[in-house]
């Protein structure tokens, strides 16, 4: 590994859809860092990087990644916490150094989007940030409170719609099983309601995988949270897909998911429901465990 790689500040995480992207770290860690299901950023205290350090990393991008990658992902967990002025300066410098870039994306919290003015969001969008990945997880108020997401369904809707109004592509993440058996029905109903209200450009699905030392793993050990079975996971997803009235692209683009799906709604809705029905039948007639992902 050459000296450039040792100098470059790589983000620790990125969405699966950004697998081929250049990764540019503009903050460290997560400013919220309280979600019960997540331990991704526990060892990274939140900090804003200096503009000088960010620009130094941008200068290294062509050497680290070459010119083949045409997308950039901004890490870590919530780049919009930076000021609009700083983000515009970062983006303008990025496109100056890498003029071949076609898309720049970032994680964002819906509540952070809400707090920014529409004018600031539009300025960031014009500067070249094109897509926001927002963790919805669930549309149920009870589930969101339980997992300490820090936003209620109304705030999730308002933040996502504001992102769309500013011109961003909006990618919402749903976490199957996040309500446990105790709140599975509330999770299904609430998630359908929020997704229909937002009509995001992308709906991306994950399946809850209790991470050791996370709060949810502790709740399971204490008997306070009942993890859903693979069968119930697929049933949850079927109910969500069946209830959607959106024009979104729906993807299971993560190794945690059981039934692989990728379709455009509403035209692929029946096809996806048929695949989920097949998955439900398989789970009912086989002893499917969580080690048997992606069996279809």
Protein backbone atom coordinates (compact mmCIF):
# COMPACT_ATOMS: atom_id res chain seq x y z
CA UNK A 1 0.00 0.00 0.00
CA UNK A 2 1.51 3.33 -1.02
CA UNK A 3 1.84 6.47 1.08
CA UNK A 4 -1.27 8.03 -0.44
CA UNK A 5 -3.51 5.34 1.04
CA UNK A 6 -2.01 5.93 4.47
CA UNK A 7 -2.69 9.65 4.16
CA UNK A 8 -6.29 9.27 2.97
CA UNK A 9 -9.10 9.29 5.57
CA UNK A 10 -11.43 6.47 4.48
CA UNK A 11 -15.00 6.43 5.88
CA UNK A 12 -15.73 3.17 7.75
CA UNK A 13 -19.17 2.60 6.16
CA UNK A 14 -21.15 3.33 3.00
CA UNK A 15 -24.44 2.06 1.53
CA UNK A 16 -24.24 -1.09 -0.64
CA UNK A 17 -25.39 1.00 -3.60
CA UNK A 18 -22.18 3.05 -3.25
CA UNK A 19 -19.88 0.02 -3.59
CA UNK A 20 -18.20 1.49 -6.67
CA UNK A 21 -18.08 5.07 -5.41
CA UNK A 22 -15.19 7.18 -4.26
CA UNK A 23 -15.56 7.67 -0.50
CA UNK A 24 -14.92 11.10 0.95
CA UNK A 25 -15.09 11.58 4.71
CA UNK A 26 -16.33 15.04 5.72
CA UNK A 27 -17.32 14.23 9.33
CA UNK A 28 -16.32 11.53 11.81
CA UNK A 29 -18.93 9.39 13.56
CA UNK A 30 -22.62 10.01 14.19
CA UNK A 31 -23.92 13.13 15.95
CA UNK A 32 -26.98 11.19 17.23
CA UNK A 33 -25.48 7.75 17.96
CA UNK A 34 -28.39 6.57 20.16
CA UNK A 35 -30.27 4.12 17.92
CA UNK A 36 -30.86 0.85 19.77
CA UNK A 37 -30.09 -1.36 16.76
CA UNK A 38 -26.85 0.31 15.66
CA UNK A 39 -23.29 0.23 16.94
CA UNK A 40 -21.60 1.32 13.71
CA UNK A 41 -20.13 4.56 15.01
CA UNK A 42 -19.78 3.85 18.74
CA UNK A 43 -15.98 3.93 18.55
CA UNK A 44 -15.92 7.11 16.44
CA UNK A 45 -16.65 10.24 18.51
CA UNK A 46 -18.46 12.77 16.36
CA UNK A 47 -16.27 15.50 14.91
CA UNK A 48 -16.37 17.89 11.99
CA UNK A 49 -13.34 17.75 9.74
CA UNK A 50 -11.62 20.97 8.78
CA UNK A 51 -12.13 22.26 5.26
CA UNK A 52 -8.36 22.12 4.76
CA UNK A 53 -8.25 18.39 5.62
CA UNK A 54 -11.28 17.64 3.44
CA UNK A 55 -9.73 19.46 0.49
CA UNK A 56 -6.48 17.58 1.05
CA UNK A 57 -8.42 14.31 0.80
CA UNK A 58 -10.18 15.54 -2.36
CA UNK A 59 -6.75 16.21 -3.88
CA UNK A 60 -5.90 12.54 -3.22
CA UNK A 61 -9.08 11.10 -4.77
CA UNK A 62 -7.72 10.73 -8.35
CA UNK A 63 -4.66 8.85 -7.08
CA UNK A 64 -6.56 6.68 -4.59
CA UNK A 65 -9.49 5.76 -6.88
CA UNK A 66 -8.42 6.65 -10.40
CA UNK A 67 -10.87 8.09 -12.91
CA UNK A 68 -13.10 5.03 -13.32
CA UNK A 69 -15.40 5.80 -10.35
CA UNK A 70 -17.94 8.44 -11.35
CA UNK A 71 -19.84 8.58 -8.06
CA UNK A 72 -18.82 9.96 -4.66
CA UNK A 73 -20.25 9.14 -1.24
CA UNK A 74 -19.76 11.64 1.62
CA UNK A 75 -19.18 10.02 5.03
CA UNK A 76 -19.74 9.53 7.86
CA UNK A 77 -23.36 9.41 9.00
CA UNK A 78 -24.90 12.87 8.51
CA UNK A 79 -22.97 15.25 6.27
CA UNK A 80 -25.82 17.78 6.22
CA UNK A 81 -24.88 18.73 9.77
CA UNK A 82 -22.17 20.87 8.16
CA UNK A 83 -23.15 24.40 7.23
CA UNK A 84 -24.53 25.05 3.77
CA UNK A 85 -21.55 27.31 3.06
CA UNK A 86 -19.04 24.61 3.96
CA UNK A 87 -20.87 21.94 1.97
CA UNK A 88 -21.09 24.17 -1.09
CA UNK A 89 -17.36 24.91 -0.85
CA UNK A 90 -16.55 21.20 -0.47
CA UNK A 91 -18.73 20.21 -3.42
CA UNK A 92 -17.43 22.94 -5.70
CA UNK A 93 -13.85 21.93 -4.93
CA UNK A 94 -14.69 18.25 -5.45
CA UNK A 95 -16.08 18.90 -8.93
CA UNK A 96 -13.11 21.15 -9.72
CA UNK A 97 -10.61 18.39 -8.87
CA UNK A 98 -12.77 15.54 -10.26
CA UNK A 99 -14.79 17.03 -13.14
CA UNK A 100 -15.80 13.54 -14.36
CA UNK A 101 -17.98 12.92 -11.28
CA UNK A 102 -21.66 12.39 -12.13
CA UNK A 103 -23.28 11.79 -8.72
CA UNK A 104 -22.56 12.71 -5.08
CA UNK A 105 -24.57 11.16 -2.26
CA UNK A 106 -24.67 11.22 1.51
CA UNK A 107 -26.41 9.81 4.56
CA UNK A 108 -28.72 12.33 6.24
CA UNK A 109 -31.14 12.43 9.16
CA UNK A 110 -34.66 13.58 8.30
CA UNK A 111 -34.61 15.90 11.32
CA UNK A 112 -31.39 17.53 10.12
CA UNK A 113 -32.98 18.18 6.74
CA UNK A 114 -35.99 19.73 8.49
CA UNK A 115 -33.76 22.19 10.37
CA UNK A 116 -32.07 23.51 7.23
CA UNK A 117 -33.76 26.23 5.23
CA UNK A 118 -35.07 25.34 1.80
CA UNK A 119 -32.73 27.98 0.35
CA UNK A 120 -29.69 26.32 1.94
CA UNK A 121 -30.79 22.88 0.76
CA UNK A 122 -31.29 24.16 -2.77
CA UNK A 123 -27.82 25.74 -2.71
CA UNK A 124 -26.28 22.41 -1.63
CA UNK A 125 -28.20 20.63 -4.36
CA UNK A 126 -27.07 23.13 -7.01
CA UNK A 127 -23.48 22.65 -5.85
CA UNK A 128 -23.78 18.98 -6.76
CA UNK A 129 -25.03 16.83 -3.86
CA UNK A 130 -27.59 14.73 -5.70
CA UNK A 131 -28.98 11.99 -3.42
CA UNK A 132 -29.72 11.64 0.31
CA UNK A 133 -29.85 8.25 2.05
CA UNK A 134 -32.25 8.62 4.99
CA UNK A 135 -32.81 5.91 7.60
CA UNK A 136 -36.54 5.63 8.18
CA UNK A 137 -36.31 2.12 9.72
CA UNK A 138 -40.03 2.18 10.64
CA UNK A 139 -43.04 4.42 10.19
CA UNK A 140 -44.54 3.41 13.53
CA UNK A 141 -44.35 6.09 16.21
CA UNK A 142 -44.15 3.42 18.91
CA UNK A 143 -41.31 1.56 17.17
CA UNK A 144 -39.35 4.75 16.46
CA UNK A 145 -39.62 5.77 20.11
CA UNK A 146 -38.60 2.29 21.30
CA UNK A 147 -35.46 2.20 19.14
CA UNK A 148 -34.60 5.83 20.05
CA UNK A 149 -34.46 6.96 16.45
CA UNK A 150 -34.88 10.58 17.50
CA UNK A 151 -37.68 11.43 15.07
CA UNK A 152 -41.38 10.63 14.85
CA UNK A 153 -43.29 9.67 11.67
CA UNK A 154 -44.40 13.25 11.00
CA UNK A 155 -40.79 14.47 11.17
CA UNK A 156 -39.66 11.64 8.91
CA UNK A 157 -42.27 12.67 6.35
CA UNK A 158 -41.53 16.40 6.63
CA UNK A 159 -37.76 15.96 6.31
CA UNK A 160 -38.03 13.60 3.36
CA UNK A 161 -40.52 15.81 1.51
CA UNK A 162 -38.32 18.85 2.11
CA UNK A 163 -35.36 16.97 0.63
CA UNK A 164 -37.43 16.18 -2.45
CA UNK A 165 -38.63 19.79 -2.70
CA UNK A 166 -35.00 20.94 -2.76
CA UNK A 167 -34.35 18.63 -5.72
CA UNK A 168 -32.56 15.72 -4.03
CA UNK A 169 -33.19 12.10 -4.90
CA UNK A 170 -34.54 10.61 -1.69
CA UNK A 171 -33.60 7.05 -0.65
CA UNK A 172 -35.43 5.74 2.44
CA UNK A 173 -34.29 2.68 4.37
CA UNK A 174 -36.72 0.24 6.00
CA UNK A 175 -35.56 -2.26 8.64
CA UNK A 176 -37.60 -5.45 8.66
CA UNK A 177 -38.14 -6.95 12.11
CA UNK A 178 -37.27 -3.75 13.97
CA UNK A 179 -40.52 -3.87 15.96
CA UNK A 180 -39.97 -7.45 17.08
CA UNK A 181 -42.96 -9.74 17.44
CA UNK A 182 -44.42 -7.27 19.92
CA UNK A 183 -44.86 -4.46 17.37
CA UNK A 184 -44.70 -6.19 14.00
CA UNK A 185 -48.19 -5.13 12.93
CA UNK A 186 -47.68 -1.51 14.01
CA UNK A 187 -44.37 -1.54 12.13
CA UNK A 188 -46.06 -2.74 8.93
CA UNK A 189 -48.94 -0.24 9.05
CA UNK A 190 -46.84 2.75 10.02
CA UNK A 191 -44.13 2.06 7.45
CA UNK A 192 -46.67 1.81 4.63
CA UNK A 193 -48.23 5.11 5.74
CA UNK A 194 -44.92 7.02 5.78
CA UNK A 195 -43.66 5.58 2.49
CA UNK A 196 -46.95 6.45 0.77
CA UNK A 197 -46.80 9.99 2.19
CA UNK A 198 -43.22 10.55 0.99
CA UNK A 199 -43.18 8.57 -2.30
CA UNK A 200 -39.36 8.44 -2.21
CA UNK A 201 -37.27 7.82 -5.29
CA UNK A 202 -35.85 4.67 -3.69
CA UNK A 203 -37.04 2.30 -0.95
CA UNK A 204 -34.21 0.13 0.33
CA UNK A 205 -34.90 -2.77 2.68
CA UNK A 206 -32.69 -4.31 5.35
CA UNK A 207 -33.39 -7.13 7.82
CA UNK A 208 -32.63 -6.59 11.49
CA UNK A 209 -29.40 -8.33 12.47
CA UNK A 210 -28.84 -7.89 16.21
CA UNK A 211 -25.28 -6.64 16.60
CA UNK A 212 -23.41 -7.87 19.68
CA UNK A 213 -23.38 -5.23 22.44
CA UNK A 214 -26.20 -3.27 20.79
CA UNK A 215 -29.23 -2.44 22.92
CA UNK A 216 -31.48 -4.71 20.89
CA UNK A 217 -29.11 -7.66 21.38
CA UNK A 218 -29.28 -7.00 25.13
CA UNK A 219 -33.08 -6.71 25.03
CA UNK A 220 -33.28 -10.09 23.27
CA UNK A 221 -31.04 -11.68 25.90
CA UNK A 222 -33.21 -10.18 28.65
CA UNK A 223 -36.45 -11.35 27.02
CA UNK A 224 -37.68 -7.79 26.41
CA UNK A 225 -37.62 -8.08 22.61
CA UNK A 226 -38.71 -11.09 20.58
CA UNK A 227 -36.84 -11.32 17.29
CA UNK A 228 -39.14 -12.18 14.41
CA UNK A 229 -38.63 -15.42 12.50
CA UNK A 230 -37.53 -15.50 8.84
CA UNK A 231 -41.17 -16.30 7.97
CA UNK A 232 -42.48 -13.22 9.77
CA UNK A 233 -39.76 -11.11 8.16
CA UNK A 234 -40.99 -12.04 4.69
CA UNK A 235 -44.62 -11.57 5.77
CA UNK A 236 -43.74 -8.08 7.00
CA UNK A 237 -42.18 -7.23 3.68
CA UNK A 238 -45.13 -8.62 1.75
CA UNK A 239 -47.58 -6.50 3.73
CA UNK A 240 -45.44 -3.42 3.14
CA UNK A 241 -45.13 -4.02 -0.62
CA UNK A 242 -48.86 -4.80 -0.92
CA UNK A 243 -49.78 -1.55 0.82
CA UNK A 244 -47.59 0.75 -1.23
CA UNK A 245 -49.07 3.34 -3.58
CA UNK A 246 -45.85 4.95 -4.82
CA UNK A 247 -43.71 5.39 -7.91
CA UNK A 248 -40.49 4.32 -6.16
CA UNK A 249 -37.80 1.83 -7.05
CA UNK A 250 -37.90 -0.91 -4.41
CA UNK A 251 -34.67 -2.80 -3.65
CA UNK A 252 -33.36 -5.48 -1.34
CA UNK A 253 -29.72 -4.60 -1.98
CA UNK A 254 -28.23 -6.01 1.22
CA UNK A 255 -26.94 -9.44 2.25
CA UNK A 256 -29.24 -9.47 5.31
CA UNK A 257 -32.40 -9.82 3.21
CA UNK A 258 -34.09 -13.15 2.55
CA UNK A 259 -35.97 -12.69 -0.74
CA UNK A 260 -34.03 -10.67 -3.35
CA UNK A 261 -36.16 -7.94 -4.96
CA UNK A 262 -35.50 -5.11 -7.36
CA UNK A 263 -38.43 -3.50 -9.10
CA UNK A 264 -40.21 -0.31 -10.05
CA UNK A 265 -43.53 0.45 -8.44
CA UNK A 266 -46.33 0.16 -9.29
CA UNK A 267 -45.57 -1.78 -12.48
CA UNK A 268 -43.52 -4.52 -10.75
CA UNK A 269 -45.70 -4.77 -7.64
CA UNK A 270 -47.48 -7.99 -8.61
CA UNK A 271 -44.23 -9.66 -9.63
CA UNK A 272 -42.62 -8.76 -6.32
CA UNK A 273 -45.65 -9.97 -4.36
CA UNK A 274 -45.45 -13.30 -6.18
CA UNK A 275 -41.78 -13.64 -5.22
CA UNK A 276 -42.59 -12.84 -1.60
CA UNK A 277 -45.44 -15.37 -1.64
CA UNK A 278 -42.94 -17.93 -2.88
CA UNK A 279 -40.62 -16.97 -0.04
CA UNK A 280 -43.40 -17.29 2.53
CA UNK A 281 -44.28 -20.74 1.24
CA UNK A 282 -40.65 -21.80 1.34
CA UNK A 283 -40.29 -20.62 4.95
CA UNK A 284 -43.43 -22.50 5.93
CA UNK A 285 -42.31 -25.79 4.38
CA UNK A 286 -38.61 -25.66 5.33
CA UNK A 287 -36.77 -24.99 8.54
CA UNK A 288 -35.32 -21.69 7.37
CA UNK A 289 -32.87 -20.00 9.71
CA UNK A 290 -31.06 -16.72 9.43
CA UNK A 291 -28.04 -18.51 7.97
CA UNK A 292 -30.14 -19.46 4.93
CA UNK A 293 -30.42 -16.00 3.36
CA UNK A 294 -31.12 -15.53 -0.30
CA UNK A 295 -32.26 -19.08 -0.96
CA UNK A 296 -34.44 -18.31 -3.98
